Amino acid sequence: MFLSFHSLVCVLSLGGLLVVSSVYSILFALKERLCKVVGRFLLVLMLVVSMPAFVAAAPRPLVMTNLLTVPPDSAIGIDYYHESMGYITRSPIGIQSDLDEIAQITAKIKVYHSPYPIGGFRSPASTLVVMKQIVRTAKARHMYVVWTENDDRVTLTDANWSDYALRVVADAAQAHQAGADEFLVGNEISLHNNGDPGFSDSQLPGRIRELATACKHVFTGKIGYEDGWFKNGTWSLKTMAPLDKLYFTLYEPYHTYTTALDAIVARLGTHAELGEVGAADVKQILHDSEEDWTRDLLRRYDYARLNHIHIWLFTFREADDNGYGFFPPSPPDVSEQPHAIWNYIRRHAFLAYHNLLHCDFYNAAQQCFIGDGYLKQESLYANAFNHPLLATVGRTDFVFRGVLTPLAATGWESWRATRIVFRYSDPSNYYHLDIMPNSQQWQLYRRQHGQDTLLFMGNAEKLALGSDNDFEIRSQGYGQDTLLQVFWNDTKVVDLHDTGNVQVNGYQLGIKNNGISCALSTVLVTDFEQSFDIY
C-alpha cells in the first residue's frame, strides 16, 4: 500500500539525518535524471529537515533507515529478449512504443538473435530482419545496443561447432552493418551442449576466445560472451583476452546472488556485467504476490547499486503472465499494464525500512543474541537440546531474514531438527520452524501453553547438511489476528492467518539446536518495508 505524504514524512523522520543522507546519495547517483526528479526529492528533504523538534523530541536508540532503489540510468540496461528472438511478434509501431517505455529508464538495450531456426515457425533470416530493424530503430534514438547470439534450441557438439562459429561470424557482420555497439558471441553455451570434451568447463573458454578473434575481423565494436556465473570456473582476467567483456546471468537465491556478485566484482571489476538479473525463479513457481516479487527484485537491484556493477534486467515483456517479464501478456493482445516492479524501476516509487537489530557477527562484543551457543567465523552456533539463542526485537511485527546452514545430526531419527524460533516469550510459548534434513522436511509449529500444534509442513528436497539456505519470516498482527509468511530459498512456503494464537506474542527470535547443529549468519531483522510514491 502506498503511503500518504504525511506517512512518508513519518517514515523518513524515523531515520533522522540518515534519511537525508540516503536521499542525497540517491540524487547524486541519479544525476542523469536530476532535472526530472530533483523537485520531488527537494520537497521531501525540506519537510524532513524542517522538523528538528520531532526528530529530537526524546532520546532513542539509533534507527537506521534504508532505501531500496535501482542503479543509475548509465548502470542498467533492459533485455529485449522475447521480442528480438521472435517469440513475441512486435510491429514497427510496437517496437517504437516499447523503446519509448524503455527510454524512460535507460538508453541501453540488449537484443538476442538465434543463428538457428526457432522450431518450425522462425528462420534465422526472418528473425534477422526484425533484429536489424530493432537495432536501427534504437540507434536512431541514440541508444546503446548489445547484440547477443543466443542458441537455445540446438545441442552444440564437437561436430557442429564449426557450423555454429560460421553462423556467428556472419551475424557479427550483420550486427556491424546495423550499428550495434557490442557483440556477444554466445549466451550460456555451457548449458546447450552434449558434454563433448570441447565443451568442458575448462575447454569451452578457449573456443569462445577463438570465435571472438574471428568476429573482430568483421565487427569493430566490443566483443564479449555471456554465461551463468555457476559456470565461471576458468573465467578470469588472465584467460579473458581477446574478449573485451564478460556477462554473467544470476538467478540464484538471494544469499548466493550476493556472494556471486561480490566475487564477480572482486575478480573482474569493470570487465564484467550482470547480463541477466532476475528472481531465483519465475513469479508463479515462487508463489509470489506482486508485493513479494517487487521486494525480491528490488533487493537485488539495490545490492548491485551498492556494489557499482552494471546490470541488465531480464526481461521487458513475457509470454507468460507470471514469468520473468515486466510486461505480462493479456491474450490475445499484448497488455500495456506492467507488473508493480516497473514503477520502482522508473523511480516513481521506493521501498523504505528500518533495522530493528544492530548485530555484528564479526565482533563478539556487539552481537545481540544471548543464550546457549557461541560465535565462530562470523556465524552463530547453538548447542544441542539446551536453551535457544535469542535476540529481542521489542515487537511482534517484524521481518526476520538470514542464512541457515544445517551442519550435523546427533542421531538418525527423522524428528531431529534445526529450529528457527520467533515470537518467543518463554519455553512454553513461541513459534518454531523445524528444518529436518534426516527426513527432508520442514514443519511450522505453534507452541502454546507448552503444547505444539502443527500449522504447516512441506518437503525440503535436497536439503543437504552443510548447505546454505536463505530464509525469511514475516510476522504481523497480534493474537488471533496473527499473519505469518515464510520464504525458504526465496520460495514462499507459508502464508497463513493463525486464528488459534492466544499466547504466542513474544518479542524474541533466534535459533535452537534440536538434534541438528547449525550456523546462523547474514541476519537482518527489520520492520515491514513501506512503499511511497514520488510522482
Protein backbone atom coordinates (compact mmCIF):
# COMPACT_ATOMS: atom_id res chain seq x y z
CA MET A 1 0.00 0.00 0.00
CA PHE A 2 1.43 3.37 -0.94
CA LEU A 3 1.97 5.85 1.88
CA SER A 4 0.29 9.22 2.10
CA PHE A 5 2.62 12.18 2.04
CA HIS A 6 2.15 12.64 5.80
CA SER A 7 3.09 8.98 6.36
CA LEU A 8 6.13 9.39 4.12
CA VAL A 9 7.38 12.18 6.34
CA CYS A 10 6.91 9.97 9.41
CA VAL A 11 8.82 7.09 7.78
CA LEU A 12 11.69 9.34 6.80
CA SER A 13 11.82 11.18 10.10
CA LEU A 14 12.47 7.92 11.98
CA GLY A 15 15.89 7.82 10.40
CA GLY A 16 16.59 11.50 11.03
CA LEU A 17 19.58 12.84 9.23
CA LEU A 18 20.45 9.36 7.98
CA VAL A 19 17.45 9.61 5.67
CA VAL A 20 18.62 12.96 4.39
CA SER A 21 22.00 11.39 3.67
CA SER A 22 20.38 8.36 1.97
CA VAL A 23 18.15 10.50 -0.23
CA TYR A 24 21.04 12.80 -1.12
CA SER A 25 23.16 9.81 -2.17
CA ILE A 26 20.37 8.64 -4.47
CA LEU A 27 20.16 12.11 -6.01
CA PHE A 28 23.88 12.06 -6.66
CA ALA A 29 23.73 8.59 -8.21
CA LEU A 30 20.82 9.58 -10.42
CA LYS A 31 22.48 12.73 -11.79
CA GLU A 32 21.46 11.85 -15.35
CA ARG A 33 17.81 12.18 -14.30
CA LEU A 34 18.28 15.01 -11.81
CA CYS A 35 16.30 17.57 -13.79
CA LYS A 36 13.27 15.23 -13.73
CA VAL A 37 13.19 14.28 -10.07
CA VAL A 38 15.05 16.96 -8.12
CA GLY A 39 11.86 18.90 -7.34
CA ARG A 40 10.21 15.82 -5.83
CA PHE A 41 13.19 15.00 -3.61
CA LEU A 42 13.86 18.57 -2.52
CA LEU A 43 10.29 18.84 -1.32
CA VAL A 44 10.74 15.68 0.78
CA LEU A 45 14.08 16.99 2.09
CA MET A 46 12.60 20.32 3.13
CA LEU A 47 9.83 18.60 5.04
CA VAL A 48 12.28 16.35 6.88
CA VAL A 49 14.88 18.96 7.83
CA SER A 50 12.21 21.46 8.87
CA MET A 51 11.12 19.16 11.72
CA PRO A 52 14.11 19.03 14.13
CA ALA A 53 11.83 19.17 17.18
CA PHE A 54 10.08 15.95 16.08
CA VAL A 55 13.31 14.13 15.39
CA ALA A 56 14.97 15.21 18.64
CA ALA A 57 11.88 15.22 20.87
CA ALA A 58 13.07 12.34 23.03
CA PRO A 59 16.24 10.22 23.35
CA ARG A 60 16.00 7.00 21.37
CA PRO A 61 18.32 4.27 20.06
CA LEU A 62 19.81 4.93 16.65
CA VAL A 63 17.42 3.58 13.99
CA MET A 64 18.95 3.11 10.57
CA THR A 65 16.70 3.89 7.62
CA ASN A 66 17.33 2.03 4.39
CA LEU A 67 16.01 2.88 0.93
CA LEU A 68 15.89 0.23 -1.79
CA THR A 69 16.31 1.57 -5.32
CA VAL A 70 17.79 0.73 -8.71
CA PRO A 71 21.23 1.75 -10.00
CA PRO A 72 21.58 4.97 -12.04
CA ASP A 73 20.50 5.02 -15.70
CA SER A 74 24.01 4.50 -17.03
CA ALA A 75 24.46 1.35 -14.93
CA ILE A 76 21.36 -0.55 -16.07
CA GLY A 77 20.05 -1.93 -19.34
CA ILE A 78 16.91 -3.79 -20.42
CA ASP A 79 16.98 -7.23 -22.05
CA TYR A 80 14.65 -7.04 -25.05
CA TYR A 81 14.59 -10.81 -25.33
CA HIS A 82 11.27 -12.29 -26.45
CA GLU A 83 10.68 -9.53 -28.99
CA SER A 84 14.06 -9.79 -30.70
CA MET A 85 14.11 -13.60 -30.62
CA GLY A 86 10.71 -13.69 -32.33
CA TYR A 87 8.81 -15.39 -29.50
CA ILE A 88 6.61 -12.29 -29.33
CA THR A 89 5.80 -10.53 -32.60
CA ARG A 90 6.04 -6.75 -32.48
CA SER A 91 5.16 -4.42 -35.33
CA PRO A 92 7.38 -1.40 -36.14
CA ILE A 93 4.90 0.75 -34.20
CA GLY A 94 5.02 -1.72 -31.30
CA ILE A 95 8.83 -1.61 -31.27
CA GLN A 96 8.72 2.18 -31.19
CA SER A 97 6.27 2.05 -28.30
CA ASP A 98 8.48 -0.38 -26.38
CA LEU A 99 11.55 1.80 -26.87
CA ASP A 100 9.56 4.83 -25.70
CA GLU A 101 8.83 2.96 -22.47
CA ILE A 102 12.41 1.73 -22.04
CA ALA A 103 13.81 5.21 -22.71
CA GLN A 104 12.14 6.43 -19.51
CA ILE A 105 14.60 4.22 -17.63
CA THR A 106 17.75 3.75 -19.67
CA ALA A 107 19.34 4.24 -23.07
CA LYS A 108 20.76 0.70 -23.11
CA ILE A 109 19.11 -2.42 -24.55
CA LYS A 110 20.38 -5.93 -25.20
CA VAL A 111 18.84 -7.86 -28.08
CA TYR A 112 19.07 -11.59 -28.89
CA HIS A 113 19.30 -13.48 -32.15
CA SER A 114 19.35 -17.22 -32.79
CA PRO A 115 21.68 -18.37 -35.56
CA TYR A 116 19.44 -21.44 -35.94
CA PRO A 117 15.72 -21.83 -36.77
CA ILE A 118 13.39 -21.47 -33.78
CA GLY A 119 11.16 -24.50 -34.01
CA GLY A 120 9.21 -24.58 -37.24
CA PHE A 121 7.97 -21.01 -37.18
CA ARG A 122 11.04 -18.70 -37.31
CA SER A 123 14.01 -18.93 -39.64
CA PRO A 124 17.28 -17.10 -38.90
CA ALA A 125 16.68 -14.94 -41.98
CA SER A 126 13.22 -13.81 -40.83
CA THR A 127 14.31 -13.04 -37.27
CA LEU A 128 17.42 -11.26 -38.60
CA VAL A 129 15.18 -8.76 -40.44
CA VAL A 130 13.35 -7.92 -37.20
CA MET A 131 16.59 -7.86 -35.23
CA LYS A 132 18.21 -5.33 -37.54
CA GLN A 133 15.06 -3.23 -37.52
CA ILE A 134 15.14 -3.12 -33.71
CA VAL A 135 18.83 -2.18 -33.68
CA ARG A 136 18.42 0.59 -36.24
CA THR A 137 15.34 1.97 -34.50
CA ALA A 138 17.21 2.02 -31.20
CA LYS A 139 20.30 3.62 -32.71
CA ALA A 140 18.11 6.33 -34.29
CA ARG A 141 17.13 7.15 -30.70
CA HIS A 142 20.84 7.26 -29.71
CA MET A 143 20.55 4.13 -27.60
CA TYR A 144 23.44 1.80 -26.76
CA VAL A 145 22.77 -1.66 -28.23
CA VAL A 146 24.32 -5.01 -27.32
CA TRP A 147 23.69 -7.80 -29.86
CA THR A 148 23.69 -11.30 -28.31
CA GLU A 149 23.91 -14.58 -30.20
CA ASN A 150 21.56 -16.95 -28.42
CA ASP A 151 21.22 -20.63 -29.28
CA ASP A 152 18.63 -22.24 -27.05
CA ARG A 153 17.34 -24.96 -29.39
CA VAL A 154 20.37 -26.77 -30.91
CA THR A 155 22.68 -29.03 -28.92
CA LEU A 156 26.24 -27.99 -29.73
CA THR A 157 28.83 -30.72 -30.21
CA ASP A 158 32.41 -31.05 -31.39
CA ALA A 159 30.96 -32.00 -34.79
CA ASN A 160 28.74 -28.94 -35.34
CA TRP A 161 30.80 -26.27 -33.56
CA SER A 162 32.40 -25.07 -36.80
CA ASP A 163 28.94 -24.56 -38.33
CA TYR A 164 27.85 -22.57 -35.29
CA ALA A 165 31.01 -20.46 -35.47
CA LEU A 166 30.44 -19.63 -39.16
CA ARG A 167 26.87 -18.55 -38.44
CA VAL A 168 28.01 -16.34 -35.57
CA VAL A 169 30.71 -14.63 -37.64
CA ALA A 170 28.13 -13.94 -40.37
CA ASP A 171 25.80 -12.43 -37.76
CA ALA A 172 28.65 -10.30 -36.40
CA ALA A 173 28.93 -8.69 -39.84
CA GLN A 174 25.17 -8.04 -39.83
CA ALA A 175 25.39 -6.54 -36.33
CA HIS A 176 28.15 -4.20 -37.52
CA GLN A 177 26.10 -3.18 -40.54
CA ALA A 178 23.05 -2.44 -38.36
CA GLY A 179 25.12 -0.29 -35.99
CA ALA A 180 25.25 -2.40 -32.79
CA ASP A 181 27.75 -1.20 -30.19
CA GLU A 182 28.69 -4.59 -28.74
CA PHE A 183 28.50 -8.17 -29.98
CA LEU A 184 28.30 -11.23 -27.72
CA VAL A 185 29.41 -14.42 -29.47
CA GLY A 186 27.17 -16.67 -27.38
CA ASN A 187 24.85 -16.94 -24.41
CA GLU A 188 25.04 -19.81 -21.91
CA ILE A 189 26.63 -22.21 -24.40
CA SER A 190 27.72 -24.32 -21.44
CA LEU A 191 24.04 -25.18 -20.91
CA HIS A 192 23.39 -26.15 -24.54
CA ASN A 193 25.90 -28.89 -25.31
CA ASN A 194 26.21 -32.63 -25.04
CA GLY A 195 29.31 -32.76 -22.85
CA ASP A 196 31.84 -33.39 -25.61
CA PRO A 197 35.42 -32.71 -24.47
CA GLY A 198 35.49 -29.45 -26.42
CA PHE A 199 32.64 -28.15 -24.30
CA SER A 200 34.01 -28.93 -20.86
CA ASP A 201 34.22 -26.03 -18.45
CA SER A 202 37.98 -25.93 -18.97
CA GLN A 203 37.91 -26.17 -22.79
CA LEU A 204 34.93 -24.01 -23.76
CA PRO A 205 36.60 -20.65 -22.93
CA GLY A 206 39.32 -21.43 -25.49
CA ARG A 207 36.73 -21.94 -28.23
CA ILE A 208 34.91 -18.78 -27.20
CA ARG A 209 38.14 -16.77 -27.45
CA GLU A 210 38.88 -18.18 -30.91
CA LEU A 211 35.37 -17.25 -32.04
CA ALA A 212 35.77 -13.73 -30.61
CA THR A 213 39.02 -13.32 -32.57
CA ALA A 214 37.26 -14.33 -35.81
CA CYS A 215 34.43 -11.86 -35.15
CA LYS A 216 36.85 -8.99 -34.63
CA HIS A 217 37.59 -9.12 -38.37
CA VAL A 218 34.00 -8.11 -39.19
CA PHE A 219 32.82 -6.27 -36.06
CA THR A 220 34.72 -3.20 -34.86
CA GLY A 221 32.96 -2.69 -31.51
CA LYS A 222 33.48 -4.55 -28.26
CA ILE A 223 33.25 -8.36 -28.31
CA GLY A 224 32.01 -10.36 -25.35
CA TYR A 225 30.36 -13.54 -24.12
CA GLU A 226 27.58 -14.34 -21.62
CA ASP A 227 27.21 -17.36 -19.32
CA GLY A 228 25.83 -18.37 -15.94
CA TRP A 229 28.11 -17.46 -13.05
CA PHE A 230 27.92 -21.02 -11.71
CA LYS A 231 29.95 -21.93 -14.82
CA ASN A 232 32.63 -19.35 -14.02
CA GLY A 233 35.33 -21.99 -13.39
CA THR A 234 38.12 -20.73 -15.62
CA TRP A 235 36.98 -17.21 -16.41
CA SER A 236 39.49 -14.69 -15.08
CA LEU A 237 41.39 -11.68 -16.34
CA LYS A 238 44.23 -13.96 -17.42
CA THR A 239 42.02 -16.05 -19.70
CA MET A 240 39.77 -13.26 -20.96
CA ALA A 241 41.59 -11.78 -23.97
CA PRO A 242 40.62 -11.20 -26.77
CA LEU A 243 37.20 -10.77 -25.13
CA ASP A 244 36.50 -7.21 -24.05
CA LYS A 245 33.64 -8.06 -21.69
CA LEU A 246 32.12 -10.98 -19.84
CA TYR A 247 28.44 -11.01 -18.87
CA PHE A 248 27.07 -13.34 -16.20
CA THR A 249 23.47 -14.35 -15.53
CA LEU A 250 22.32 -14.53 -11.91
CA TYR A 251 19.10 -16.27 -10.86
CA GLU A 252 20.35 -17.76 -7.61
CA PRO A 253 18.64 -17.47 -4.19
CA TYR A 254 19.42 -14.12 -2.62
CA HIS A 255 22.40 -15.09 -0.42
CA THR A 256 24.06 -16.96 -3.30
CA TYR A 257 23.30 -13.99 -5.55
CA THR A 258 25.09 -11.55 -3.25
CA THR A 259 28.05 -13.89 -2.80
CA ALA A 260 28.36 -14.35 -6.58
CA LEU A 261 28.06 -10.63 -7.25
CA ASP A 262 30.82 -9.93 -4.73
CA ALA A 263 33.05 -12.50 -6.44
CA ILE A 264 32.39 -11.06 -9.91
CA VAL A 265 33.28 -7.55 -8.78
CA ALA A 266 36.41 -8.74 -6.98
CA ARG A 267 37.63 -10.94 -9.84
CA LEU A 268 36.73 -8.94 -12.95
CA GLY A 269 35.83 -5.41 -11.90
CA THR A 270 34.63 -3.28 -14.81
CA HIS A 271 35.36 -6.09 -17.31
CA ALA A 272 32.17 -7.85 -16.18
CA GLU A 273 28.47 -7.02 -16.08
CA LEU A 274 25.40 -8.94 -14.93
CA GLY A 275 23.85 -9.85 -18.26
CA GLU A 276 20.57 -11.13 -16.83
CA VAL A 277 19.26 -10.26 -13.37
CA GLY A 278 16.00 -11.72 -12.15
CA ALA A 279 14.38 -13.54 -9.27
CA ALA A 280 15.52 -17.05 -8.38
CA ASP A 281 12.65 -18.41 -10.48
CA VAL A 282 9.53 -17.22 -12.25
CA LYS A 283 6.89 -15.47 -10.18
CA GLN A 284 4.43 -18.38 -10.33
CA ILE A 285 6.88 -21.01 -9.10
CA LEU A 286 8.00 -18.76 -6.23
CA HIS A 287 4.31 -18.35 -5.24
CA ASP A 288 4.98 -14.62 -5.17
CA SER A 289 2.39 -11.88 -4.96
CA GLU A 290 3.11 -8.59 -6.72
CA GLU A 291 4.42 -7.26 -3.42
CA ASP A 292 6.69 -10.28 -2.85
CA TRP A 293 8.14 -10.19 -6.35
CA THR A 294 8.73 -6.44 -6.26
CA ARG A 295 10.54 -6.70 -2.95
CA ASP A 296 12.79 -9.56 -4.09
CA LEU A 297 13.79 -7.89 -7.36
CA LEU A 298 14.37 -4.52 -5.77
CA ARG A 299 16.71 -6.03 -3.17
CA ARG A 300 18.81 -7.48 -5.97
CA TYR A 301 18.91 -4.23 -7.93
CA ASP A 302 19.82 -2.27 -4.81
CA TYR A 303 22.67 -4.64 -3.92
CA ALA A 304 24.10 -4.18 -7.42
CA ARG A 305 23.81 -0.41 -7.00
CA LEU A 306 25.75 -0.53 -3.74
CA ASN A 307 28.49 -2.55 -5.44
CA HIS A 308 28.69 -0.32 -8.54
CA ILE A 309 28.24 -3.07 -11.12
CA HIS A 310 26.25 -2.68 -14.34
CA ILE A 311 23.18 -4.90 -14.62
CA TRP A 312 20.74 -5.93 -17.34
CA LEU A 313 17.16 -6.52 -16.25
CA PHE A 314 15.50 -9.64 -17.66
CA THR A 315 13.17 -9.19 -19.41
CA PHE A 316 10.98 -6.43 -20.91
CA ARG A 317 7.93 -8.45 -21.96
CA GLU A 318 6.97 -12.02 -21.16
CA ALA A 319 4.86 -14.63 -22.93
CA ASP A 320 3.62 -15.84 -19.51
CA ASP A 321 1.68 -13.71 -17.03
CA ASN A 322 3.87 -14.96 -14.18
CA GLY A 323 7.24 -15.31 -15.89
CA TYR A 324 10.31 -13.07 -15.70
CA GLY A 325 8.93 -10.24 -17.85
CA PHE A 326 7.93 -6.80 -16.60
CA PHE A 327 5.01 -6.51 -19.04
CA PRO A 328 2.77 -9.60 -18.91
CA PRO A 329 0.51 -10.52 -21.84
CA SER A 330 -3.23 -10.34 -21.83
CA PRO A 331 -4.29 -12.75 -24.61
CA PRO A 332 -4.83 -12.34 -27.43
CA ASP A 333 -3.20 -8.88 -27.35
CA VAL A 334 -0.11 -7.69 -25.52
CA SER A 335 -1.01 -5.89 -22.31
CA GLU A 336 0.34 -2.41 -21.69
CA GLN A 337 -0.08 -2.78 -17.91
CA PRO A 338 3.23 -3.70 -16.29
CA HIS A 339 3.95 -5.55 -13.07
CA ALA A 340 4.30 -3.36 -9.99
CA ILE A 341 8.11 -3.54 -10.09
CA TRP A 342 8.11 -1.36 -13.22
CA ASN A 343 7.05 1.64 -11.13
CA TYR A 344 10.14 1.19 -8.96
CA ILE A 345 12.42 0.71 -11.95
CA ARG A 346 11.09 4.02 -13.27
CA ARG A 347 11.96 5.53 -9.85
CA HIS A 348 8.37 6.61 -9.30
CA ALA A 349 8.32 4.60 -6.05
CA PHE A 350 10.73 3.45 -3.37
CA LEU A 351 10.80 0.95 -0.53
CA ALA A 352 11.99 2.03 2.91
CA TYR A 353 12.60 0.01 6.06
CA HIS A 354 14.31 0.34 9.44
CA ASN A 355 16.74 -2.08 11.07
CA LEU A 356 15.44 -3.43 14.38
CA LEU A 357 18.65 -5.23 15.39
CA HIS A 358 22.20 -3.93 15.20
CA CYS A 359 24.13 -7.15 15.45
CA ASP A 360 27.76 -7.57 14.34
CA PHE A 361 28.76 -11.22 13.96
CA TYR A 362 32.30 -10.06 13.23
CA ASN A 363 32.56 -8.63 16.75
CA ALA A 364 31.59 -10.84 19.68
CA ALA A 365 31.16 -7.79 21.89
CA GLN A 366 28.48 -6.36 19.60
CA GLN A 367 26.37 -9.38 18.70
CA CYS A 368 22.86 -9.25 20.13
CA PHE A 369 21.95 -12.96 20.53
CA ILE A 370 22.29 -14.45 24.02
CA GLY A 371 21.77 -18.00 25.21
CA ASP A 372 23.37 -21.40 24.90
CA GLY A 373 25.70 -21.06 21.95
CA TYR A 374 28.80 -19.38 20.61
CA LEU A 375 30.14 -17.17 17.84
CA LYS A 376 32.66 -18.52 15.33
CA GLN A 377 33.81 -17.36 11.87
CA GLU A 378 31.07 -14.73 11.60
CA SER A 379 28.31 -17.26 12.31
CA LEU A 380 26.23 -18.11 15.36
CA TYR A 381 26.06 -21.72 16.62
CA ALA A 382 23.53 -23.20 19.09
CA ASN A 383 24.45 -26.02 21.48
CA ALA A 384 22.31 -29.15 21.36
CA PHE A 385 18.99 -29.54 23.23
CA ASN A 386 19.51 -26.61 25.59
CA HIS A 387 18.15 -23.09 25.73
CA PRO A 388 17.81 -21.25 22.42
CA LEU A 389 19.96 -18.35 21.28
CA LEU A 390 17.68 -15.31 21.31
CA ALA A 391 17.64 -11.63 20.38
CA THR A 392 14.94 -9.17 21.45
CA VAL A 393 13.18 -7.03 18.85
CA GLY A 394 10.57 -5.44 21.12
CA ARG A 395 7.57 -6.04 18.84
CA THR A 396 5.52 -8.78 17.22
CA ASP A 397 5.61 -7.20 13.74
CA PHE A 398 8.96 -7.82 12.06
CA VAL A 399 10.81 -9.36 9.13
CA PHE A 400 13.48 -11.89 10.19
CA ARG A 401 15.91 -12.79 7.39
CA GLY A 402 19.14 -14.73 7.37
CA VAL A 403 21.14 -17.69 6.15
CA LEU A 404 20.75 -21.02 7.95
CA THR A 405 23.25 -23.85 7.47
CA PRO A 406 22.31 -27.27 8.98
CA LEU A 407 25.63 -28.93 9.86
CA ALA A 408 25.41 -32.32 11.58
CA ALA A 409 22.86 -34.65 13.14
CA THR A 410 23.25 -36.11 16.63
CA GLY A 411 21.20 -39.14 15.55
CA TRP A 412 19.37 -40.72 12.64
CA GLU A 413 15.78 -40.07 13.80
CA SER A 414 13.58 -38.09 11.40
CA TRP A 415 12.39 -35.60 14.06
CA ARG A 416 15.83 -34.14 14.71
CA ALA A 417 15.84 -30.53 13.58
CA THR A 418 17.44 -27.16 13.37
CA ARG A 419 14.81 -24.88 14.85
CA ILE A 420 14.19 -21.23 13.97
CA VAL A 421 12.16 -19.71 16.82
CA PHE A 422 10.25 -16.43 16.83
CA ARG A 423 7.67 -14.59 18.94
CA TYR A 424 9.39 -16.32 21.82
CA SER A 425 8.36 -15.28 25.34
CA ASP A 426 9.21 -18.41 27.39
CA PRO A 427 9.86 -22.16 26.81
CA SER A 428 6.11 -22.83 26.63
CA ASN A 429 5.08 -20.11 24.14
CA TYR A 430 6.69 -19.49 20.76
CA TYR A 431 6.55 -20.37 17.06
CA HIS A 432 9.19 -22.67 15.64
CA LEU A 433 10.13 -23.62 12.10
CA ASP A 434 11.83 -27.03 12.20
CA ILE A 435 14.28 -27.87 9.41
CA MET A 436 14.78 -31.66 9.33
CA PRO A 437 17.49 -32.92 6.95
CA ASN A 438 17.05 -36.55 8.13
CA SER A 439 13.53 -36.62 6.68
CA GLN A 440 13.97 -33.89 4.05
CA GLN A 441 11.08 -31.94 5.58
CA TRP A 442 10.26 -28.66 7.29
CA GLN A 443 7.41 -28.11 9.76
CA LEU A 444 5.93 -24.93 11.26
CA TYR A 445 4.54 -25.22 14.80
CA ARG A 446 2.82 -23.00 17.33
CA ARG A 447 3.87 -23.93 20.87
CA GLN A 448 1.20 -22.55 23.22
CA HIS A 449 0.89 -23.40 26.94
CA GLY A 450 3.62 -25.98 26.29
CA GLN A 451 1.61 -27.82 23.60
CA ASP A 452 2.82 -27.99 19.97
CA THR A 453 0.31 -27.53 17.15
CA LEU A 454 1.44 -28.28 13.59
CA LEU A 455 0.43 -25.37 11.36
CA PHE A 456 2.12 -26.27 8.09
CA MET A 457 4.59 -28.77 6.67
CA GLY A 458 6.32 -29.42 3.40
CA ASN A 459 9.15 -31.21 1.66
CA ALA A 460 12.64 -29.74 1.79
CA GLU A 461 14.08 -31.74 -1.09
CA LYS A 462 17.86 -31.84 -1.47
CA LEU A 463 18.34 -30.26 1.95
CA ALA A 464 21.99 -31.14 2.39
CA LEU A 465 23.98 -30.82 5.58
CA GLY A 466 26.50 -28.03 5.12
CA SER A 467 24.40 -26.15 2.53
CA ASP A 468 23.43 -22.51 2.99
CA ASN A 469 19.71 -21.71 2.87
CA ASP A 470 18.02 -18.32 2.71
CA PHE A 471 15.03 -17.87 4.97
CA GLU A 472 12.64 -15.01 5.60
CA ILE A 473 9.93 -14.97 8.27
CA ARG A 474 7.33 -12.21 8.19
CA SER A 475 5.29 -11.88 11.40
CA GLN A 476 2.43 -9.41 11.66
CA GLY A 477 -0.57 -8.83 13.94
CA TYR A 478 -1.44 -9.97 17.45
CA GLY A 479 -3.31 -12.90 18.97
CA GLN A 480 -5.99 -14.29 16.66
CA ASP A 481 -5.13 -11.67 14.06
CA THR A 482 -1.60 -13.06 13.57
CA LEU A 483 -0.42 -13.32 9.95
CA LEU A 484 2.64 -15.42 9.12
CA GLN A 485 4.67 -15.84 5.95
CA VAL A 486 7.77 -17.99 5.47
CA PHE A 487 10.11 -17.93 2.47
CA TRP A 488 12.68 -20.70 2.05
CA ASN A 489 15.36 -20.09 -0.58
CA ASP A 490 13.16 -17.28 -1.94
CA THR A 491 10.11 -19.54 -2.43
CA LYS A 492 7.04 -18.71 -0.33
CA VAL A 493 6.21 -21.89 1.59
CA VAL A 494 3.84 -20.49 4.25
CA ASP A 495 1.16 -17.82 4.01
CA LEU A 496 -1.41 -18.22 6.79
CA HIS A 497 -3.70 -16.49 9.29
CA ASP A 498 -3.24 -18.17 12.68
CA THR A 499 -6.62 -17.69 14.36
CA GLY A 500 -5.62 -20.16 17.10
CA ASN A 501 -2.94 -17.91 18.55
CA VAL A 502 -3.63 -16.53 22.03
CA GLN A 503 -0.35 -16.57 23.95
CA VAL A 504 2.35 -16.55 21.26
CA ASN A 505 3.08 -12.84 21.19
CA GLY A 506 6.64 -12.63 22.48
CA TYR A 507 9.34 -10.24 21.35
CA GLN A 508 12.32 -12.59 20.89
CA LEU A 509 13.63 -14.63 17.96
CA GLY A 510 16.59 -16.87 17.24
CA ILE A 511 17.68 -20.49 16.77
CA LYS A 512 17.66 -23.73 18.75
CA ASN A 513 19.56 -26.95 18.17
CA ASN A 514 17.01 -29.76 18.44
CA GLY A 515 19.34 -32.53 17.32
CA ILE A 516 20.76 -30.84 14.19
CA SER A 517 23.64 -28.42 14.73
CA CYS A 518 23.51 -25.29 12.60
CA ALA A 519 25.11 -21.97 11.75
CA LEU A 520 23.15 -18.72 11.51
CA SER A 521 24.63 -15.82 9.54
CA THR A 522 23.78 -12.71 7.50
CA VAL A 523 20.96 -11.83 9.88
CA LEU A 524 18.73 -8.85 9.12
CA VAL A 525 15.71 -8.01 11.28
CA THR A 526 13.61 -5.06 10.15
CA ASP A 527 10.16 -3.59 10.26
CA PHE A 528 7.93 -4.15 7.23
CA GLU A 529 9.07 -2.44 4.06
CA GLN A 530 6.92 0.56 3.23
CA SER A 531 6.33 1.89 -0.25
CA PHE A 532 5.94 5.53 -1.18
CA ASP A 533 5.42 7.44 -4.40
CA ILE A 534 7.36 10.47 -5.58
CA TYR A 535 5.33 11.33 -8.66
